[in-house]
Amino acid sequence: MINKEQLNSNIPEHVAIIMDGNGRWAKKKGFFRAVGHENGTKAVRETVESCAEIGVKYLTLYAFSTENWNRPKLEVDTLMKLLVNSLKNEIKTLQKNNIKLNAIGNLKLLPTKARTELLEVIEKTKSNDHMTLTLALSYGSREELIKTIEEISIKVKNGVISPHLINESVINEHLYTKNLPDVDLLIRTSGEQRISNFLLWQIAYAELYFTEVLWPDFKEADLLEAIFNYQKRERRFGKTSEQLS
């Protein structure tokens, strides 16, 4: 089992997590799926506090995808209620740890109560600067890229941007994540090994880490294991090992 003392100074600046396995966790224990989602919030709290403690500057959690709107209404309603309750309950944790809350996605699709609570917590924590916690809500990377292309196309049409000057920086400025650096480490729980329409542009050079642990069972030790694994890898960004040395 990895402990904090075994980590070196190469802490990933931006960690993103696909929190998968709440439903399967509940099913294995004979509970309704909602119980899995409720227990998943405990893993969120532990992960957020652990990341803040070890020096991760940006943590992005895939909380609700654009595809999740297609789930049964009861489950969607439960998830939205959990979001509101979690925001109310965790404001003290965010303030205590000097964490700023951020959100990305098509937020106008959220129920009014959830969106209002979200924006209130974002406002209350906007001056915190130890770590930025981003919730991806009603988020889909393809939808984000379509929005970005549309916005840039309008600016090109109106002569604001020359098509010959469109580069990575221009695209980054029109993404939901315009204030965030690229992802260094992407973690997915529950044994699934796919990206599921999450930060497709932003993970271009991210290290990917997959674990069999279901999200409600994801503990600090599992996070440290992922980061320890990350620290053993050589990130070349297209270069050779000889060039890096």
C-alpha atoms as a PDB file:
ATOM      1  CA  MET A   1       0.000   0.000   0.000  1.00  0.00           C
ATOM      2  CA  ILE A   2       1.409   3.386  -1.041  1.00  0.00           C
ATOM      3  CA  ASN A   3       1.685   6.199   1.499  1.00  0.00           C
ATOM      4  CA  LYS A   4       2.317   9.916   0.966  1.00  0.00           C
ATOM      5  CA  GLU A   5       5.979   9.614   1.945  1.00  0.00           C
ATOM      6  CA  GLN A   6       6.630   7.379  -1.081  1.00  0.00           C
ATOM      7  CA  LEU A   7       5.561  10.054  -3.545  1.00  0.00           C
ATOM      8  CA  ASN A   8       8.169  12.335  -5.049  1.00  0.00           C
ATOM      9  CA  SER A   9       7.742  16.010  -5.954  1.00  0.00           C
ATOM     10  CA  ASN A  10       6.338  15.176  -9.412  1.00  0.00           C
ATOM     11  CA  ILE A  11       2.691  15.611  -8.426  1.00  0.00           C
ATOM     12  CA  PRO A  12       0.372  15.895 -11.456  1.00  0.00           C
ATOM     13  CA  GLU A  13      -0.887  19.456 -11.754  1.00  0.00           C
ATOM     14  CA  HIS A  14      -4.269  18.433 -13.174  1.00  0.00           C
ATOM     15  CA  VAL A  15      -5.985  15.152 -12.267  1.00  0.00           C
ATOM     16  CA  ALA A  16      -9.278  14.182 -13.911  1.00  0.00           C
ATOM     17  CA  ILE A  17     -11.422  11.284 -12.706  1.00  0.00           C
ATOM     18  CA  ILE A  18     -14.226   9.317 -14.348  1.00  0.00           C
ATOM     19  CA  MET A  19     -16.102   8.216 -11.229  1.00  0.00           C
ATOM     20  CA  ASP A  20     -17.573   4.927 -12.413  1.00  0.00           C
ATOM     21  CA  GLY A  21     -19.194   2.027 -10.593  1.00  0.00           C
ATOM     22  CA  ASN A  22     -21.805   3.477  -8.230  1.00  0.00           C
ATOM     23  CA  GLY A  23     -24.596   1.379  -9.732  1.00  0.00           C
ATOM     24  CA  ARG A  24     -22.611  -1.850  -9.759  1.00  0.00           C
ATOM     25  CA  TRP A  25     -21.474  -1.233  -6.185  1.00  0.00           C
ATOM     26  CA  ALA A  26     -25.098  -0.923  -5.088  1.00  0.00           C
ATOM     27  CA  LYS A  27     -26.221  -3.958  -7.101  1.00  0.00           C
ATOM     28  CA  LYS A  28     -23.490  -6.150  -5.586  1.00  0.00           C
ATOM     29  CA  LYS A  29     -24.742  -5.233  -2.122  1.00  0.00           C
ATOM     30  CA  GLY A  30     -28.424  -5.627  -2.965  1.00  0.00           C
ATOM     31  CA  PHE A  31     -29.197  -1.894  -2.759  1.00  0.00           C
ATOM     32  CA  PHE A  32     -30.960   0.497  -5.108  1.00  0.00           C
ATOM     33  CA  ARG A  33     -28.633   2.444  -7.458  1.00  0.00           C
ATOM     34  CA  ALA A  34     -29.345   5.615  -5.489  1.00  0.00           C
ATOM     35  CA  VAL A  35     -27.520   4.138  -2.490  1.00  0.00           C
ATOM     36  CA  GLY A  36     -24.450   3.704  -4.668  1.00  0.00           C
ATOM     37  CA  HIS A  37     -24.577   7.354  -5.708  1.00  0.00           C
ATOM     38  CA  GLU A  38     -24.972   8.433  -2.079  1.00  0.00           C
ATOM     39  CA  ASN A  39     -21.921   6.427  -1.024  1.00  0.00           C
ATOM     40  CA  GLY A  40     -20.026   7.808  -3.996  1.00  0.00           C
ATOM     41  CA  THR A  41     -20.180  11.270  -2.406  1.00  0.00           C
ATOM     42  CA  LYS A  42     -18.002   9.966   0.453  1.00  0.00           C
ATOM     43  CA  ALA A  43     -15.330   8.967  -2.054  1.00  0.00           C
ATOM     44  CA  VAL A  44     -15.563  12.441  -3.588  1.00  0.00           C
ATOM     45  CA  ARG A  45     -14.898  14.106  -0.230  1.00  0.00           C
ATOM     46  CA  GLU A  46     -11.912  11.897   0.570  1.00  0.00           C
ATOM     47  CA  THR A  47     -10.439  12.322  -2.907  1.00  0.00           C
ATOM     48  CA  VAL A  48     -10.847  16.104  -2.901  1.00  0.00           C
ATOM     49  CA  GLU A  49      -9.210  16.484   0.509  1.00  0.00           C
ATOM     50  CA  SER A  50      -6.391  14.092  -0.373  1.00  0.00           C
ATOM     51  CA  CYS A  51      -5.631  15.890  -3.642  1.00  0.00           C
ATOM     52  CA  ALA A  52      -5.557  19.229  -1.844  1.00  0.00           C
ATOM     53  CA  GLU A  53      -3.209  17.820   0.800  1.00  0.00           C
ATOM     54  CA  ILE A  54      -0.624  16.341  -1.591  1.00  0.00           C
ATOM     55  CA  GLY A  55      -0.503  19.390  -3.848  1.00  0.00           C
ATOM     56  CA  VAL A  56      -2.716  18.694  -6.866  1.00  0.00           C
ATOM     57  CA  LYS A  57      -3.662  22.129  -8.208  1.00  0.00           C
ATOM     58  CA  TYR A  58      -6.621  21.118 -10.393  1.00  0.00           C
ATOM     59  CA  LEU A  59      -9.048  18.236  -9.887  1.00  0.00           C
ATOM     60  CA  THR A  60     -11.828  17.628 -12.411  1.00  0.00           C
ATOM     61  CA  LEU A  61     -14.580  15.110 -11.653  1.00  0.00           C
ATOM     62  CA  TYR A  62     -16.947  13.690 -14.274  1.00  0.00           C
ATOM     63  CA  ALA A  63     -20.121  14.059 -12.241  1.00  0.00           C
ATOM     64  CA  PHE A  64     -22.892  13.962 -14.871  1.00  0.00           C
ATOM     65  CA  SER A  65     -22.562  13.525 -18.628  1.00  0.00           C
ATOM     66  CA  THR A  66     -24.823  14.719 -21.439  1.00  0.00           C
ATOM     67  CA  GLU A  67     -25.662  11.042 -21.997  1.00  0.00           C
ATOM     68  CA  ASN A  68     -26.745  10.631 -18.364  1.00  0.00           C
ATOM     69  CA  TRP A  69     -29.892  12.649 -19.132  1.00  0.00           C
ATOM     70  CA  ASN A  70     -31.122   9.486 -20.901  1.00  0.00           C
ATOM     71  CA  ARG A  71     -31.137   7.481 -17.658  1.00  0.00           C
ATOM     72  CA  PRO A  72     -34.436   6.699 -15.870  1.00  0.00           C
ATOM     73  CA  LYS A  73     -36.075   9.878 -14.558  1.00  0.00           C
ATOM     74  CA  LEU A  74     -35.986   8.652 -10.955  1.00  0.00           C
ATOM     75  CA  GLU A  75     -32.222   8.157 -11.099  1.00  0.00           C
ATOM     76  CA  VAL A  76     -31.662  11.557 -12.750  1.00  0.00           C
ATOM     77  CA  ASP A  77     -33.836  13.254 -10.125  1.00  0.00           C
ATOM     78  CA  THR A  78     -31.910  11.464  -7.379  1.00  0.00           C
ATOM     79  CA  LEU A  79     -28.578  12.588  -8.825  1.00  0.00           C
ATOM     80  CA  MET A  80     -29.752  16.204  -9.011  1.00  0.00           C
ATOM     81  CA  LYS A  81     -30.953  16.112  -5.385  1.00  0.00           C
ATOM     82  CA  LEU A  82     -27.622  14.620  -4.342  1.00  0.00           C
ATOM     83  CA  LEU A  83     -25.841  17.421  -6.170  1.00  0.00           C
ATOM     84  CA  VAL A  84     -27.795  20.082  -4.290  1.00  0.00           C
ATOM     85  CA  ASN A  85     -27.312  18.379  -0.912  1.00  0.00           C
ATOM     86  CA  SER A  86     -23.610  17.753  -1.534  1.00  0.00           C
ATOM     87  CA  LEU A  87     -23.004  21.380  -2.448  1.00  0.00           C
ATOM     88  CA  LYS A  88     -24.734  22.505   0.742  1.00  0.00           C
ATOM     89  CA  ASN A  89     -22.873  19.993   2.889  1.00  0.00           C
ATOM     90  CA  GLU A  90     -19.417  20.432   1.392  1.00  0.00           C
ATOM     91  CA  ILE A  91     -19.131  24.233   1.350  1.00  0.00           C
ATOM     92  CA  LYS A  92     -17.392  24.049   4.749  1.00  0.00           C
ATOM     93  CA  THR A  93     -14.917  21.479   3.413  1.00  0.00           C
ATOM     94  CA  LEU A  94     -14.126  23.671   0.414  1.00  0.00           C
ATOM     95  CA  GLN A  95     -13.599  26.758   2.568  1.00  0.00           C
ATOM     96  CA  LYS A  96     -11.513  24.888   5.153  1.00  0.00           C
ATOM     97  CA  ASN A  97      -9.195  23.551   2.455  1.00  0.00           C
ATOM     98  CA  ASN A  98      -9.089  26.828   0.466  1.00  0.00           C
ATOM     99  CA  ILE A  99     -10.609  25.119  -2.590  1.00  0.00           C
ATOM    100  CA  LYS A 100     -12.312  27.012  -5.402  1.00  0.00           C
ATOM    101  CA  LEU A 101     -15.309  25.338  -7.029  1.00  0.00           C
ATOM    102  CA  ASN A 102     -15.685  25.460 -10.799  1.00  0.00           C
ATOM    103  CA  ALA A 103     -18.137  23.800 -13.194  1.00  0.00           C
ATOM    104  CA  ILE A 104     -18.043  22.929 -16.889  1.00  0.00           C
ATOM    105  CA  GLY A 105     -20.746  21.702 -19.222  1.00  0.00           C
ATOM    106  CA  ASN A 106     -24.108  22.780 -20.560  1.00  0.00           C
ATOM    107  CA  LEU A 107     -25.192  24.085 -17.165  1.00  0.00           C
ATOM    108  CA  LYS A 108     -28.404  25.673 -18.442  1.00  0.00           C
ATOM    109  CA  LEU A 109     -29.860  22.155 -18.686  1.00  0.00           C
ATOM    110  CA  LEU A 110     -29.558  21.653 -14.924  1.00  0.00           C
ATOM    111  CA  PRO A 111     -32.724  22.037 -12.813  1.00  0.00           C
ATOM    112  CA  THR A 112     -33.072  25.571 -11.451  1.00  0.00           C
ATOM    113  CA  LYS A 113     -32.468  24.550  -7.834  1.00  0.00           C
ATOM    114  CA  ALA A 114     -29.300  22.634  -8.671  1.00  0.00           C
ATOM    115  CA  ARG A 115     -27.946  25.393 -10.901  1.00  0.00           C
ATOM    116  CA  THR A 116     -28.703  28.085  -8.306  1.00  0.00           C
ATOM    117  CA  GLU A 117     -26.962  26.149  -5.513  1.00  0.00           C
ATOM    118  CA  LEU A 118     -24.002  25.449  -7.785  1.00  0.00           C
ATOM    119  CA  LEU A 119     -23.546  29.098  -8.748  1.00  0.00           C
ATOM    120  CA  GLU A 120     -23.835  30.183  -5.108  1.00  0.00           C
ATOM    121  CA  VAL A 121     -21.028  27.865  -4.012  1.00  0.00           C
ATOM    122  CA  ILE A 122     -18.902  28.935  -6.987  1.00  0.00           C
ATOM    123  CA  GLU A 123     -19.389  32.565  -5.939  1.00  0.00           C
ATOM    124  CA  LYS A 124     -18.600  31.879  -2.262  1.00  0.00           C
ATOM    125  CA  THR A 125     -15.356  30.041  -3.085  1.00  0.00           C
ATOM    126  CA  LYS A 126     -14.112  32.185  -5.981  1.00  0.00           C
ATOM    127  CA  SER A 127     -11.258  33.711  -3.954  1.00  0.00           C
ATOM    128  CA  ASN A 128      -9.885  30.365  -2.751  1.00  0.00           C
ATOM    129  CA  ASP A 129      -6.575  29.552  -4.407  1.00  0.00           C
ATOM    130  CA  HIS A 130      -5.084  26.327  -3.005  1.00  0.00           C
ATOM    131  CA  MET A 131      -6.843  24.018  -5.470  1.00  0.00           C
ATOM    132  CA  THR A 132      -9.550  24.278  -8.135  1.00  0.00           C
ATOM    133  CA  LEU A 133     -12.221  21.572  -8.047  1.00  0.00           C
ATOM    134  CA  THR A 134     -14.123  21.370 -11.314  1.00  0.00           C
ATOM    135  CA  LEU A 135     -17.382  19.449 -11.630  1.00  0.00           C
ATOM    136  CA  ALA A 136     -18.207  18.317 -15.151  1.00  0.00           C
ATOM    137  CA  LEU A 137     -22.009  18.533 -15.159  1.00  0.00           C
ATOM    138  CA  SER A 138     -24.214  17.960 -18.170  1.00  0.00           C
ATOM    139  CA  TYR A 139     -20.855  17.680 -19.889  1.00  0.00           C
ATOM    140  CA  GLY A 140     -19.945  15.951 -23.134  1.00  0.00           C
ATOM    141  CA  SER A 141     -16.703  16.555 -24.979  1.00  0.00           C
ATOM    142  CA  ARG A 142     -18.267  16.310 -28.444  1.00  0.00           C
ATOM    143  CA  GLU A 143     -20.906  18.866 -27.473  1.00  0.00           C
ATOM    144  CA  GLU A 144     -18.115  21.091 -26.156  1.00  0.00           C
ATOM    145  CA  LEU A 145     -16.175  20.823 -29.414  1.00  0.00           C
ATOM    146  CA  ILE A 146     -19.276  21.540 -31.525  1.00  0.00           C
ATOM    147  CA  LYS A 147     -19.953  24.638 -29.395  1.00  0.00           C
ATOM    148  CA  THR A 148     -16.338  25.716 -29.837  1.00  0.00           C
ATOM    149  CA  ILE A 149     -16.434  25.281 -33.624  1.00  0.00           C
ATOM    150  CA  GLU A 150     -19.693  27.222 -33.835  1.00  0.00           C
ATOM    151  CA  GLU A 151     -18.323  30.132 -31.775  1.00  0.00           C
ATOM    152  CA  ILE A 152     -15.092  30.336 -33.768  1.00  0.00           C
ATOM    153  CA  SER A 153     -16.998  30.052 -37.068  1.00  0.00           C
ATOM    154  CA  ILE A 154     -19.190  33.024 -36.147  1.00  0.00           C
ATOM    155  CA  LYS A 155     -16.111  35.078 -35.284  1.00  0.00           C
ATOM    156  CA  VAL A 156     -14.478  34.125 -38.597  1.00  0.00           C
ATOM    157  CA  LYS A 157     -17.645  35.078 -40.457  1.00  0.00           C
ATOM    158  CA  ASN A 158     -17.740  38.456 -38.696  1.00  0.00           C
ATOM    159  CA  GLY A 159     -14.065  39.108 -39.353  1.00  0.00           C
ATOM    160  CA  VAL A 160     -13.060  38.887 -35.689  1.00  0.00           C
ATOM    161  CA  ILE A 161     -10.696  35.950 -36.288  1.00  0.00           C
ATOM    162  CA  SER A 162      -8.737  35.132 -39.432  1.00  0.00           C
ATOM    163  CA  PRO A 163      -9.062  31.425 -40.313  1.00  0.00           C
ATOM    164  CA  HIS A 164      -5.307  31.327 -40.928  1.00  0.00           C
ATOM    165  CA  LEU A 165      -4.657  32.328 -37.311  1.00  0.00           C
ATOM    166  CA  ILE A 166      -6.716  29.555 -35.720  1.00  0.00           C
ATOM    167  CA  ASN A 167      -4.371  27.501 -33.543  1.00  0.00           C
ATOM    168  CA  GLU A 168      -4.487  25.472 -30.338  1.00  0.00           C
ATOM    169  CA  SER A 169      -4.568  28.602 -28.198  1.00  0.00           C
ATOM    170  CA  VAL A 170      -7.611  29.965 -30.041  1.00  0.00           C
ATOM    171  CA  ILE A 171      -9.432  26.651 -29.628  1.00  0.00           C
ATOM    172  CA  ASN A 172      -8.491  26.436 -25.939  1.00  0.00           C
ATOM    173  CA  GLU A 173      -9.949  29.904 -25.331  1.00  0.00           C
ATOM    174  CA  HIS A 174     -13.380  28.720 -26.557  1.00  0.00           C
ATOM    175  CA  LEU A 175     -13.565  25.478 -24.568  1.00  0.00           C
ATOM    176  CA  TYR A 176     -15.408  25.101 -21.261  1.00  0.00           C
ATOM    177  CA  THR A 177     -11.972  24.440 -19.751  1.00  0.00           C
ATOM    178  CA  LYS A 178     -10.375  27.682 -20.973  1.00  0.00           C
ATOM    179  CA  ASN A 179      -9.132  28.488 -17.455  1.00  0.00           C
ATOM    180  CA  LEU A 180      -7.696  25.022 -16.825  1.00  0.00           C
ATOM    181  CA  PRO A 181      -4.402  23.430 -17.931  1.00  0.00           C
ATOM    182  CA  ASP A 182      -4.355  20.196 -19.918  1.00  0.00           C
ATOM    183  CA  VAL A 183      -4.942  17.008 -17.932  1.00  0.00           C
ATOM    184  CA  ASP A 184      -1.817  15.233 -16.669  1.00  0.00           C
ATOM    185  CA  LEU A 185      -3.455  12.135 -15.196  1.00  0.00           C
ATOM    186  CA  LEU A 186      -6.841  10.632 -16.059  1.00  0.00           C
ATOM    187  CA  ILE A 187      -8.186   8.013 -13.652  1.00  0.00           C
ATOM    188  CA  ARG A 188     -11.166   5.759 -14.319  1.00  0.00           C
ATOM    189  CA  THR A 189     -12.599   3.453 -11.691  1.00  0.00           C
ATOM    190  CA  SER A 190     -14.651   0.224 -11.965  1.00  0.00           C
ATOM    191  CA  GLY A 191     -12.490  -1.638 -14.487  1.00  0.00           C
ATOM    192  CA  GLU A 192     -13.912  -0.024 -17.619  1.00  0.00           C
ATOM    193  CA  GLN A 193     -11.203   1.126 -20.027  1.00  0.00           C
ATOM    194  CA  ARG A 194     -12.743   3.857 -22.148  1.00  0.00           C
ATOM    195  CA  ILE A 195     -12.922   7.634 -22.125  1.00  0.00           C
ATOM    196  CA  SER A 196     -16.716   8.035 -22.445  1.00  0.00           C
ATOM    197  CA  ASN A 197     -16.724  11.439 -24.169  1.00  0.00           C
ATOM    198  CA  PHE A 198     -14.732  13.131 -21.404  1.00  0.00           C
ATOM    199  CA  LEU A 199     -12.203  15.917 -22.090  1.00  0.00           C
ATOM    200  CA  LEU A 200     -11.178  14.470 -25.462  1.00  0.00           C
ATOM    201  CA  TRP A 201      -9.151  17.552 -26.426  1.00  0.00           C
ATOM    202  CA  GLN A 202      -7.686  18.130 -22.971  1.00  0.00           C
ATOM    203  CA  ILE A 203      -6.318  14.590 -22.445  1.00  0.00           C
ATOM    204  CA  ALA A 204      -4.247  14.530 -25.649  1.00  0.00           C
ATOM    205  CA  TYR A 205      -1.059  13.826 -23.653  1.00  0.00           C
ATOM    206  CA  ALA A 206      -2.543  12.663 -20.360  1.00  0.00           C
ATOM    207  CA  GLU A 207      -1.403   9.488 -18.664  1.00  0.00           C
ATOM    208  CA  LEU A 208      -4.318   7.054 -18.354  1.00  0.00           C
ATOM    209  CA  TYR A 209      -4.848   4.933 -15.253  1.00  0.00           C
ATOM    210  CA  PHE A 210      -7.594   2.313 -14.912  1.00  0.00           C
ATOM    211  CA  THR A 211      -8.484   0.570 -11.661  1.00  0.00           C
ATOM    212  CA  GLU A 212     -10.937  -2.239 -10.859  1.00  0.00           C
ATOM    213  CA  VAL A 213     -12.052  -0.412  -7.687  1.00  0.00           C
ATOM    214  CA  LEU A 214     -15.684   0.715  -7.813  1.00  0.00           C
ATOM    215  CA  TRP A 215     -16.027   4.435  -7.117  1.00  0.00           C
ATOM    216  CA  PRO A 216     -17.729   4.202  -3.660  1.00  0.00           C
ATOM    217  CA  ASP A 217     -14.761   2.060  -2.526  1.00  0.00           C
ATOM    218  CA  PHE A 218     -12.125   4.467  -3.921  1.00  0.00           C
ATOM    219  CA  LYS A 219      -9.990   5.598  -0.975  1.00  0.00           C
ATOM    220  CA  GLU A 220      -6.948   7.799  -0.450  1.00  0.00           C
ATOM    221  CA  ALA A 221      -4.736   4.722  -0.845  1.00  0.00           C
ATOM    222  CA  ASP A 222      -6.178   4.135  -4.323  1.00  0.00           C
ATOM    223  CA  LEU A 223      -5.510   7.748  -5.299  1.00  0.00           C
ATOM    224  CA  LEU A 224      -1.927   7.517  -4.038  1.00  0.00           C
ATOM    225  CA  GLU A 225      -1.449   4.273  -5.984  1.00  0.00           C
ATOM    226  CA  ALA A 226      -2.568   6.022  -9.188  1.00  0.00           C
ATOM    227  CA  ILE A 227      -0.217   8.955  -8.617  1.00  0.00           C
ATOM    228  CA  PHE A 228       2.682   6.651  -7.698  1.00  0.00           C
ATOM    229  CA  ASN A 229       2.073   4.788 -10.967  1.00  0.00           C
ATOM    230  CA  TYR A 230       2.039   8.135 -12.810  1.00  0.00           C
ATOM    231  CA  GLN A 231       5.371   9.117 -11.269  1.00  0.00           C
ATOM    232  CA  LYS A 232       7.033   5.963 -12.629  1.00  0.00           C
ATOM    233  CA  ARG A 233       6.126   6.856 -16.217  1.00  0.00           C
ATOM    234  CA  GLU A 234       8.180   8.859 -18.692  1.00  0.00           C
ATOM    235  CA  ARG A 235       6.159  11.613 -20.367  1.00  0.00           C
ATOM    236  CA  ARG A 236       7.839  12.297 -23.704  1.00  0.00           C
ATOM    237  CA  PHE A 237       5.272  14.493 -25.516  1.00  0.00           C
ATOM    238  CA  GLY A 238       6.436  13.121 -28.872  1.00  0.00           C
ATOM    239  CA  LYS A 239      10.155  13.346 -28.051  1.00  0.00           C
ATOM    240  CA  THR A 240      12.608  10.500 -27.496  1.00  0.00           C
ATOM    241  CA  SER A 241      13.975   9.494 -24.091  1.00  0.00           C
ATOM    242  CA  GLU A 242      17.397  10.736 -25.182  1.00  0.00           C
ATOM    243  CA  GLN A 243      16.003  14.199 -25.944  1.00  0.00           C
ATOM    244  CA  LEU A 244      14.454  14.432 -22.485  1.00  0.00           C
ATOM    245  CA  SER A 245      17.711  13.495 -20.766  1.00  0.00           C
END
